[in-house]
């Protein structure tokens, strides 16, 4: 039987169980005592290193007072936790797992041919894209606040390393108002000055690049297997199968040879921003 440890569903389930426990104001020790388990066991459930059985998950949810649709959804996660890959309708379905992956990562390689990577977006840029895709203003504001909170992984004491590959098209042809894009470009210049952030532009005249196949995020860890996260228009996918992940690692290696250096990319971003300012 395949292990359910550290799969995308196990991470999502663990993160949601932790959130439910904190919302109930209960410590891991107290929850463990009620279940007849050690707090270490509960911790391993919450970080996805161990997946509770459906019965154990049901017991946890009962103690925490989680009912209805949320309870059924989390029980289904426990049931299906062994699948190494996960396709889910709705980009928010995997958000807890993605956030947990980002929090524990060593390196995040974000490939975005047509947009600025999420962790580097300004609030106005992100909001503009979300509203343009049909999200209500209120929901967009909620999601933007959450996204900005995720950036803590880049600025905390021991930050994650981010390697961003951005298509030149995304820099030159904004999906938002000119003023919003100008602020976004200046924002990228500031990010490029951080030691743990490397930004590389993929030139428009690059004939073939793996980025032409679509965006992807490769997340690598110190002591866990790497994963790949994909976001589509109305769904998201997390891949942990070793052979599939190796293909994305090879694609990232190819992009390192195709893309501009950090210095040339910073100069390009500055030039585009200066031209945009002069055109106003």
C-alpha atoms as a PDB file:
ATOM      1  CA  UNK A   1       0.000   0.000   0.000  1.00  0.00           C
ATOM      2  CA  UNK A   2       1.376   3.439  -0.970  1.00  0.00           C
ATOM      3  CA  UNK A   3       2.301   5.781   1.858  1.00  0.00           C
ATOM      4  CA  UNK A   4      -0.039   8.672   2.525  1.00  0.00           C
ATOM      5  CA  UNK A   5       2.695  10.703   4.236  1.00  0.00           C
ATOM      6  CA  UNK A   6       3.525  14.137   2.819  1.00  0.00           C
ATOM      7  CA  UNK A   7       1.155  13.891  -0.149  1.00  0.00           C
ATOM      8  CA  UNK A   8      -0.698  17.066  -1.234  1.00  0.00           C
ATOM      9  CA  UNK A   9      -3.931  15.926   0.410  1.00  0.00           C
ATOM     10  CA  UNK A  10      -2.081  14.989   3.619  1.00  0.00           C
ATOM     11  CA  UNK A  11      -0.578  18.491   3.745  1.00  0.00           C
ATOM     12  CA  UNK A  12      -3.946  20.137   3.078  1.00  0.00           C
ATOM     13  CA  UNK A  13      -5.705  17.988   5.672  1.00  0.00           C
ATOM     14  CA  UNK A  14      -3.020  18.653   8.279  1.00  0.00           C
ATOM     15  CA  UNK A  15      -3.066  22.396   7.704  1.00  0.00           C
ATOM     16  CA  UNK A  16      -6.858  22.521   8.007  1.00  0.00           C
ATOM     17  CA  UNK A  17      -6.870  20.371  11.148  1.00  0.00           C
ATOM     18  CA  UNK A  18      -4.312  22.727  12.697  1.00  0.00           C
ATOM     19  CA  UNK A  19      -6.443  25.758  11.777  1.00  0.00           C
ATOM     20  CA  UNK A  20      -9.540  24.089  13.259  1.00  0.00           C
ATOM     21  CA  UNK A  21      -7.688  23.246  16.475  1.00  0.00           C
ATOM     22  CA  UNK A  22      -6.425  26.809  16.859  1.00  0.00           C
ATOM     23  CA  UNK A  23      -9.899  28.179  16.116  1.00  0.00           C
ATOM     24  CA  UNK A  24     -11.220  25.965  18.932  1.00  0.00           C
ATOM     25  CA  UNK A  25      -8.556  27.363  21.276  1.00  0.00           C
ATOM     26  CA  UNK A  26      -7.101  23.923  22.002  1.00  0.00           C
ATOM     27  CA  UNK A  27      -3.447  22.988  22.356  1.00  0.00           C
ATOM     28  CA  UNK A  28      -1.892  19.925  20.729  1.00  0.00           C
ATOM     29  CA  UNK A  29      -1.354  18.467  24.193  1.00  0.00           C
ATOM     30  CA  UNK A  30      -5.030  18.880  25.116  1.00  0.00           C
ATOM     31  CA  UNK A  31      -6.240  17.405  21.832  1.00  0.00           C
ATOM     32  CA  UNK A  32      -3.820  14.508  22.130  1.00  0.00           C
ATOM     33  CA  UNK A  33      -5.023  13.775  25.673  1.00  0.00           C
ATOM     34  CA  UNK A  34      -8.654  13.596  24.498  1.00  0.00           C
ATOM     35  CA  UNK A  35      -7.649  11.211  21.693  1.00  0.00           C
ATOM     36  CA  UNK A  36      -5.277   9.104  23.764  1.00  0.00           C
ATOM     37  CA  UNK A  37      -2.392  10.194  21.525  1.00  0.00           C
ATOM     38  CA  UNK A  38       0.820  12.094  22.203  1.00  0.00           C
ATOM     39  CA  UNK A  39       1.133  15.725  21.151  1.00  0.00           C
ATOM     40  CA  UNK A  40       3.936  14.572  18.824  1.00  0.00           C
ATOM     41  CA  UNK A  41       1.457  12.305  17.033  1.00  0.00           C
ATOM     42  CA  UNK A  42      -0.953  15.221  16.630  1.00  0.00           C
ATOM     43  CA  UNK A  43       1.901  17.400  15.348  1.00  0.00           C
ATOM     44  CA  UNK A  44       2.765  14.832  12.688  1.00  0.00           C
ATOM     45  CA  UNK A  45      -0.858  14.784  11.558  1.00  0.00           C
ATOM     46  CA  UNK A  46      -0.872  18.570  11.303  1.00  0.00           C
ATOM     47  CA  UNK A  47       2.350  18.845   9.298  1.00  0.00           C
ATOM     48  CA  UNK A  48       1.329  16.073   6.899  1.00  0.00           C
ATOM     49  CA  UNK A  49       4.098  13.692   7.940  1.00  0.00           C
ATOM     50  CA  UNK A  50       1.435  11.216   9.105  1.00  0.00           C
ATOM     51  CA  UNK A  51      -2.133  10.966   7.864  1.00  0.00           C
ATOM     52  CA  UNK A  52      -4.959  10.149  10.283  1.00  0.00           C
ATOM     53  CA  UNK A  53      -7.322   7.357   9.308  1.00  0.00           C
ATOM     54  CA  UNK A  54     -10.889   8.359   8.500  1.00  0.00           C
ATOM     55  CA  UNK A  55     -11.854   7.229  12.000  1.00  0.00           C
ATOM     56  CA  UNK A  56      -9.110   9.294  13.640  1.00  0.00           C
ATOM     57  CA  UNK A  57      -9.922  12.308  11.489  1.00  0.00           C
ATOM     58  CA  UNK A  58     -13.589  11.946  12.444  1.00  0.00           C
ATOM     59  CA  UNK A  59     -12.664  11.826  16.126  1.00  0.00           C
ATOM     60  CA  UNK A  60     -10.533  14.978  15.819  1.00  0.00           C
ATOM     61  CA  UNK A  61     -13.283  16.837  13.976  1.00  0.00           C
ATOM     62  CA  UNK A  62     -15.846  15.735  16.547  1.00  0.00           C
ATOM     63  CA  UNK A  63     -13.736  17.062  19.422  1.00  0.00           C
ATOM     64  CA  UNK A  64     -13.154  20.337  17.589  1.00  0.00           C
ATOM     65  CA  UNK A  65     -16.820  20.752  16.693  1.00  0.00           C
ATOM     66  CA  UNK A  66     -16.332  20.688  12.920  1.00  0.00           C
ATOM     67  CA  UNK A  67     -19.545  19.624  11.195  1.00  0.00           C
ATOM     68  CA  UNK A  68     -21.425  19.700   7.905  1.00  0.00           C
ATOM     69  CA  UNK A  69     -19.776  20.157   4.515  1.00  0.00           C
ATOM     70  CA  UNK A  70     -16.375  21.004   5.988  1.00  0.00           C
ATOM     71  CA  UNK A  71     -16.339  17.767   8.004  1.00  0.00           C
ATOM     72  CA  UNK A  72     -17.276  15.686   4.946  1.00  0.00           C
ATOM     73  CA  UNK A  73     -14.650  17.375   2.791  1.00  0.00           C
ATOM     74  CA  UNK A  74     -11.883  16.759   5.333  1.00  0.00           C
ATOM     75  CA  UNK A  75     -12.911  13.126   5.797  1.00  0.00           C
ATOM     76  CA  UNK A  76     -12.693  12.718   2.027  1.00  0.00           C
ATOM     77  CA  UNK A  77      -9.165  14.170   2.120  1.00  0.00           C
ATOM     78  CA  UNK A  78      -8.214  11.555   4.720  1.00  0.00           C
ATOM     79  CA  UNK A  79      -9.725   8.812   2.564  1.00  0.00           C
ATOM     80  CA  UNK A  80      -7.915   9.904  -0.613  1.00  0.00           C
ATOM     81  CA  UNK A  81      -4.628  10.998   0.991  1.00  0.00           C
ATOM     82  CA  UNK A  82      -2.544   8.291  -0.704  1.00  0.00           C
ATOM     83  CA  UNK A  83      -2.803   9.774  -4.230  1.00  0.00           C
ATOM     84  CA  UNK A  84       0.595  11.402  -5.021  1.00  0.00           C
ATOM     85  CA  UNK A  85      -0.994  13.927  -7.407  1.00  0.00           C
ATOM     86  CA  UNK A  86      -4.077  16.055  -6.783  1.00  0.00           C
ATOM     87  CA  UNK A  87      -6.298  17.908  -9.245  1.00  0.00           C
ATOM     88  CA  UNK A  88      -8.950  20.049  -7.575  1.00  0.00           C
ATOM     89  CA  UNK A  89     -11.626  22.391  -8.958  1.00  0.00           C
ATOM     90  CA  UNK A  90     -11.177  25.882  -7.577  1.00  0.00           C
ATOM     91  CA  UNK A  91      -7.765  27.402  -6.908  1.00  0.00           C
ATOM     92  CA  UNK A  92      -8.610  27.874  -3.213  1.00  0.00           C
ATOM     93  CA  UNK A  93      -9.087  24.153  -2.558  1.00  0.00           C
ATOM     94  CA  UNK A  94      -5.324  23.581  -2.265  1.00  0.00           C
ATOM     95  CA  UNK A  95      -4.411  26.916  -0.715  1.00  0.00           C
ATOM     96  CA  UNK A  96      -3.673  25.572   2.777  1.00  0.00           C
ATOM     97  CA  UNK A  97      -1.378  22.899   1.344  1.00  0.00           C
ATOM     98  CA  UNK A  98       0.374  25.403  -0.945  1.00  0.00           C
ATOM     99  CA  UNK A  99       0.927  27.789   1.956  1.00  0.00           C
ATOM    100  CA  UNK A 100       2.379  24.961   4.034  1.00  0.00           C
ATOM    101  CA  UNK A 101       4.689  23.968   1.187  1.00  0.00           C
ATOM    102  CA  UNK A 102       5.884  27.575   0.829  1.00  0.00           C
ATOM    103  CA  UNK A 103       6.413  27.911   4.587  1.00  0.00           C
ATOM    104  CA  UNK A 104       8.648  24.833   4.780  1.00  0.00           C
ATOM    105  CA  UNK A 105      10.442  25.226   1.439  1.00  0.00           C
ATOM    106  CA  UNK A 106      14.121  25.765   0.821  1.00  0.00           C
ATOM    107  CA  UNK A 107      13.713  27.035  -2.758  1.00  0.00           C
ATOM    108  CA  UNK A 108      10.683  28.081  -4.807  1.00  0.00           C
ATOM    109  CA  UNK A 109      11.122  28.271  -8.573  1.00  0.00           C
ATOM    110  CA  UNK A 110       8.170  30.135 -10.079  1.00  0.00           C
ATOM    111  CA  UNK A 111       7.791  30.123 -13.875  1.00  0.00           C
ATOM    112  CA  UNK A 112       5.238  32.638 -15.192  1.00  0.00           C
ATOM    113  CA  UNK A 113       5.283  33.453 -18.919  1.00  0.00           C
ATOM    114  CA  UNK A 114       2.325  35.868 -18.884  1.00  0.00           C
ATOM    115  CA  UNK A 115       1.970  37.229 -15.341  1.00  0.00           C
ATOM    116  CA  UNK A 116       4.114  38.432 -12.450  1.00  0.00           C
ATOM    117  CA  UNK A 117       4.586  35.581  -9.923  1.00  0.00           C
ATOM    118  CA  UNK A 118       2.085  35.707  -7.074  1.00  0.00           C
ATOM    119  CA  UNK A 119       4.618  36.196  -4.262  1.00  0.00           C
ATOM    120  CA  UNK A 120       6.003  39.276  -6.065  1.00  0.00           C
ATOM    121  CA  UNK A 121       2.684  40.920  -6.957  1.00  0.00           C
ATOM    122  CA  UNK A 122       1.578  44.238  -5.511  1.00  0.00           C
ATOM    123  CA  UNK A 123      -1.854  44.357  -3.913  1.00  0.00           C
ATOM    124  CA  UNK A 124      -3.285  46.462  -6.765  1.00  0.00           C
ATOM    125  CA  UNK A 125      -1.851  44.195  -9.469  1.00  0.00           C
ATOM    126  CA  UNK A 126      -3.217  41.068  -7.795  1.00  0.00           C
ATOM    127  CA  UNK A 127      -6.609  42.677  -7.169  1.00  0.00           C
ATOM    128  CA  UNK A 128      -6.852  43.856 -10.773  1.00  0.00           C
ATOM    129  CA  UNK A 129      -6.243  40.338 -12.109  1.00  0.00           C
ATOM    130  CA  UNK A 130      -8.701  38.750  -9.697  1.00  0.00           C
ATOM    131  CA  UNK A 131     -11.484  41.219 -10.492  1.00  0.00           C
ATOM    132  CA  UNK A 132     -10.747  40.864 -14.206  1.00  0.00           C
ATOM    133  CA  UNK A 133     -11.272  37.107 -13.900  1.00  0.00           C
ATOM    134  CA  UNK A 134     -14.730  37.620 -12.389  1.00  0.00           C
ATOM    135  CA  UNK A 135     -13.976  37.656  -8.657  1.00  0.00           C
ATOM    136  CA  UNK A 136     -16.102  40.046  -6.597  1.00  0.00           C
ATOM    137  CA  UNK A 137     -14.390  43.047  -5.032  1.00  0.00           C
ATOM    138  CA  UNK A 138     -14.928  41.712  -1.517  1.00  0.00           C
ATOM    139  CA  UNK A 139     -13.568  38.271  -2.336  1.00  0.00           C
ATOM    140  CA  UNK A 140     -10.639  39.818  -4.217  1.00  0.00           C
ATOM    141  CA  UNK A 141      -9.764  41.937  -1.169  1.00  0.00           C
ATOM    142  CA  UNK A 142      -9.843  38.837   1.053  1.00  0.00           C
ATOM    143  CA  UNK A 143      -7.634  36.846  -1.292  1.00  0.00           C
ATOM    144  CA  UNK A 144      -5.176  39.735  -1.744  1.00  0.00           C
ATOM    145  CA  UNK A 145      -4.779  40.072   2.030  1.00  0.00           C
ATOM    146  CA  UNK A 146      -4.035  36.365   2.277  1.00  0.00           C
ATOM    147  CA  UNK A 147      -1.580  36.505  -0.638  1.00  0.00           C
ATOM    148  CA  UNK A 148       0.332  39.404   0.878  1.00  0.00           C
ATOM    149  CA  UNK A 149       0.569  37.434   4.108  1.00  0.00           C
ATOM    150  CA  UNK A 150       2.184  34.549   2.242  1.00  0.00           C
ATOM    151  CA  UNK A 151       5.074  36.867   1.291  1.00  0.00           C
ATOM    152  CA  UNK A 152       6.380  36.550   4.831  1.00  0.00           C
ATOM    153  CA  UNK A 153       8.351  33.506   3.647  1.00  0.00           C
ATOM    154  CA  UNK A 154      10.561  35.897   1.639  1.00  0.00           C
ATOM    155  CA  UNK A 155      11.184  38.455   4.378  1.00  0.00           C
ATOM    156  CA  UNK A 156      11.346  36.427   7.597  1.00  0.00           C
ATOM    157  CA  UNK A 157      14.577  35.782   9.510  1.00  0.00           C
ATOM    158  CA  UNK A 158      15.446  32.606   7.551  1.00  0.00           C
ATOM    159  CA  UNK A 159      13.792  33.373   4.215  1.00  0.00           C
ATOM    160  CA  UNK A 160      12.956  31.009   1.408  1.00  0.00           C
ATOM    161  CA  UNK A 161      14.964  31.401  -1.784  1.00  0.00           C
ATOM    162  CA  UNK A 162      12.770  32.472  -4.704  1.00  0.00           C
ATOM    163  CA  UNK A 163      13.892  32.049  -8.309  1.00  0.00           C
ATOM    164  CA  UNK A 164      11.361  33.755 -10.583  1.00  0.00           C
ATOM    165  CA  UNK A 165      11.258  33.333 -14.359  1.00  0.00           C
ATOM    166  CA  UNK A 166       8.982  35.964 -15.913  1.00  0.00           C
ATOM    167  CA  UNK A 167       8.160  36.177 -19.595  1.00  0.00           C
ATOM    168  CA  UNK A 168       9.169  39.506 -21.144  1.00  0.00           C
ATOM    169  CA  UNK A 169       5.605  39.641 -22.463  1.00  0.00           C
ATOM    170  CA  UNK A 170       4.355  39.853 -18.864  1.00  0.00           C
ATOM    171  CA  UNK A 171       6.569  42.885 -18.278  1.00  0.00           C
ATOM    172  CA  UNK A 172       5.748  44.748 -21.483  1.00  0.00           C
ATOM    173  CA  UNK A 173       2.029  44.030 -21.934  1.00  0.00           C
ATOM    174  CA  UNK A 174       0.250  44.590 -18.617  1.00  0.00           C
ATOM    175  CA  UNK A 175      -3.105  42.968 -17.779  1.00  0.00           C
ATOM    176  CA  UNK A 176      -3.995  46.058 -15.709  1.00  0.00           C
ATOM    177  CA  UNK A 177      -3.975  49.857 -15.777  1.00  0.00           C
ATOM    178  CA  UNK A 178      -0.702  51.539 -16.705  1.00  0.00           C
ATOM    179  CA  UNK A 179      -0.290  53.115 -13.276  1.00  0.00           C
ATOM    180  CA  UNK A 180      -0.808  49.781 -11.527  1.00  0.00           C
ATOM    181  CA  UNK A 181       1.761  48.154 -13.802  1.00  0.00           C
ATOM    182  CA  UNK A 182       4.272  50.933 -13.275  1.00  0.00           C
ATOM    183  CA  UNK A 183       4.047  50.435  -9.520  1.00  0.00           C
ATOM    184  CA  UNK A 184       4.433  46.686 -10.071  1.00  0.00           C
ATOM    185  CA  UNK A 185       7.599  47.143 -12.124  1.00  0.00           C
ATOM    186  CA  UNK A 186       9.151  49.417  -9.503  1.00  0.00           C
ATOM    187  CA  UNK A 187       8.151  46.834  -6.907  1.00  0.00           C
ATOM    188  CA  UNK A 188      10.014  44.149  -8.864  1.00  0.00           C
ATOM    189  CA  UNK A 189      13.128  46.342  -8.907  1.00  0.00           C
ATOM    190  CA  UNK A 190      13.061  46.408  -5.099  1.00  0.00           C
ATOM    191  CA  UNK A 191      12.568  42.651  -4.831  1.00  0.00           C
ATOM    192  CA  UNK A 192      15.506  42.109  -7.164  1.00  0.00           C
ATOM    193  CA  UNK A 193      17.737  43.785  -4.586  1.00  0.00           C
ATOM    194  CA  UNK A 194      17.139  41.041  -2.007  1.00  0.00           C
ATOM    195  CA  UNK A 195      19.791  38.337  -1.645  1.00  0.00           C
ATOM    196  CA  UNK A 196      17.196  35.535  -1.556  1.00  0.00           C
ATOM    197  CA  UNK A 197      15.227  36.667  -4.633  1.00  0.00           C
ATOM    198  CA  UNK A 198      16.481  36.114  -8.194  1.00  0.00           C
ATOM    199  CA  UNK A 199      14.363  37.456 -11.064  1.00  0.00           C
ATOM    200  CA  UNK A 200      15.061  36.325 -14.631  1.00  0.00           C
ATOM    201  CA  UNK A 201      13.231  37.562 -17.720  1.00  0.00           C
ATOM    202  CA  UNK A 202      12.513  35.122 -20.546  1.00  0.00           C
ATOM    203  CA  UNK A 203      13.181  37.122 -23.738  1.00  0.00           C
ATOM    204  CA  UNK A 204      10.378  37.484 -26.254  1.00  0.00           C
ATOM    205  CA  UNK A 205      12.771  36.405 -29.026  1.00  0.00           C
ATOM    206  CA  UNK A 206      13.597  33.121 -27.265  1.00  0.00           C
ATOM    207  CA  UNK A 207      12.415  30.588 -29.850  1.00  0.00           C
ATOM    208  CA  UNK A 208      11.356  27.690 -27.647  1.00  0.00           C
ATOM    209  CA  UNK A 209      11.231  27.614 -23.899  1.00  0.00           C
ATOM    210  CA  UNK A 210       9.523  25.219 -21.479  1.00  0.00           C
ATOM    211  CA  UNK A 211       7.621  28.305 -20.296  1.00  0.00           C
ATOM    212  CA  UNK A 212       5.650  28.146 -23.557  1.00  0.00           C
ATOM    213  CA  UNK A 213       4.009  25.005 -22.175  1.00  0.00           C
ATOM    214  CA  UNK A 214       2.521  27.020 -19.304  1.00  0.00           C
ATOM    215  CA  UNK A 215       3.314  28.319 -15.807  1.00  0.00           C
ATOM    216  CA  UNK A 216       4.451  26.092 -12.956  1.00  0.00           C
ATOM    217  CA  UNK A 217       5.897  26.372  -9.462  1.00  0.00           C
ATOM    218  CA  UNK A 218       8.605  23.922  -8.367  1.00  0.00           C
ATOM    219  CA  UNK A 219       8.982  23.765  -4.574  1.00  0.00           C
ATOM    220  CA  UNK A 220      12.041  22.059  -3.069  1.00  0.00           C
ATOM    221  CA  UNK A 221      12.793  21.239   0.562  1.00  0.00           C
ATOM    222  CA  UNK A 222      15.753  20.313   2.749  1.00  0.00           C
ATOM    223  CA  UNK A 223      14.337  17.020   4.004  1.00  0.00           C
ATOM    224  CA  UNK A 224      11.295  16.219   1.877  1.00  0.00           C
ATOM    225  CA  UNK A 225      10.569  15.328  -1.734  1.00  0.00           C
ATOM    226  CA  UNK A 226      10.019  18.258  -4.127  1.00  0.00           C
ATOM    227  CA  UNK A 227       6.548  19.060  -5.438  1.00  0.00           C
ATOM    228  CA  UNK A 228       5.128  20.959  -8.408  1.00  0.00           C
ATOM    229  CA  UNK A 229       2.079  23.218  -8.168  1.00  0.00           C
ATOM    230  CA  UNK A 230       0.054  24.216 -11.228  1.00  0.00           C
ATOM    231  CA  UNK A 231      -2.753  26.773 -11.363  1.00  0.00           C
ATOM    232  CA  UNK A 232      -5.260  26.886 -14.188  1.00  0.00           C
ATOM    233  CA  UNK A 233      -8.185  29.190 -14.857  1.00  0.00           C
ATOM    234  CA  UNK A 234     -10.575  27.447 -12.476  1.00  0.00           C
ATOM    235  CA  UNK A 235      -8.568  24.579 -10.978  1.00  0.00           C
ATOM    236  CA  UNK A 236      -5.212  23.707  -9.432  1.00  0.00           C
ATOM    237  CA  UNK A 237      -2.976  20.646  -9.443  1.00  0.00           C
ATOM    238  CA  UNK A 238      -0.234  19.465  -7.123  1.00  0.00           C
ATOM    239  CA  UNK A 239       2.216  16.853  -8.414  1.00  0.00           C
ATOM    240  CA  UNK A 240       4.531  14.763  -6.235  1.00  0.00           C
ATOM    241  CA  UNK A 241       5.179  11.755  -8.481  1.00  0.00           C
ATOM    242  CA  UNK A 242       8.989  11.562  -8.697  1.00  0.00           C
ATOM    243  CA  UNK A 243       9.201  11.025 -12.476  1.00  0.00           C
ATOM    244  CA  UNK A 244       6.854  13.921 -13.225  1.00  0.00           C
ATOM    245  CA  UNK A 245       8.659  16.244 -10.832  1.00  0.00           C
ATOM    246  CA  UNK A 246      12.018  15.413 -12.441  1.00  0.00           C
ATOM    247  CA  UNK A 247      10.642  16.624 -15.776  1.00  0.00           C
ATOM    248  CA  UNK A 248       9.811  19.984 -14.224  1.00  0.00           C
ATOM    249  CA  UNK A 249      13.238  20.172 -12.593  1.00  0.00           C
ATOM    250  CA  UNK A 250      14.780  19.593 -16.026  1.00  0.00           C
ATOM    251  CA  UNK A 251      12.549  22.337 -17.460  1.00  0.00           C
ATOM    252  CA  UNK A 252      13.754  24.739 -14.744  1.00  0.00           C
ATOM    253  CA  UNK A 253      17.360  23.876 -15.614  1.00  0.00           C
ATOM    254  CA  UNK A 254      16.660  24.643 -19.283  1.00  0.00           C
ATOM    255  CA  UNK A 255      15.141  27.998 -18.346  1.00  0.00           C
ATOM    256  CA  UNK A 256      18.280  28.959 -16.447  1.00  0.00           C
ATOM    257  CA  UNK A 257      20.118  28.779 -19.754  1.00  0.00           C
ATOM    258  CA  UNK A 258      17.404  30.557 -21.758  1.00  0.00           C
ATOM    259  CA  UNK A 259      16.604  33.473 -19.453  1.00  0.00           C
ATOM    260  CA  UNK A 260      18.427  36.744 -18.917  1.00  0.00           C
ATOM    261  CA  UNK A 261      20.773  37.167 -15.965  1.00  0.00           C
ATOM    262  CA  UNK A 262      19.585  38.936 -12.817  1.00  0.00           C
ATOM    263  CA  UNK A 263      21.472  42.113 -13.751  1.00  0.00           C
ATOM    264  CA  UNK A 264      20.162  42.201 -17.328  1.00  0.00           C
ATOM    265  CA  UNK A 265      16.640  41.485 -16.094  1.00  0.00           C
ATOM    266  CA  UNK A 266      16.800  44.318 -13.553  1.00  0.00           C
ATOM    267  CA  UNK A 267      18.018  46.677 -16.281  1.00  0.00           C
ATOM    268  CA  UNK A 268      15.180  45.558 -18.564  1.00  0.00           C
ATOM    269  CA  UNK A 269      12.555  46.096 -15.884  1.00  0.00           C
ATOM    270  CA  UNK A 270      13.954  49.566 -15.151  1.00  0.00           C
ATOM    271  CA  UNK A 271      13.977  50.456 -18.856  1.00  0.00           C
ATOM    272  CA  UNK A 272      10.370  49.346 -19.371  1.00  0.00           C
ATOM    273  CA  UNK A 273       9.281  51.281 -16.278  1.00  0.00           C
ATOM    274  CA  UNK A 274      11.151  54.412 -17.381  1.00  0.00           C
ATOM    275  CA  UNK A 275       9.593  54.207 -20.863  1.00  0.00           C
ATOM    276  CA  UNK A 276       6.169  53.784 -19.268  1.00  0.00           C
ATOM    277  CA  UNK A 277       6.699  56.862 -17.105  1.00  0.00           C
ATOM    278  CA  UNK A 278       7.767  58.951 -20.080  1.00  0.00           C
ATOM    279  CA  UNK A 279       4.712  57.868 -22.053  1.00  0.00           C
ATOM    280  CA  UNK A 280       2.306  59.192 -19.412  1.00  0.00           C
END
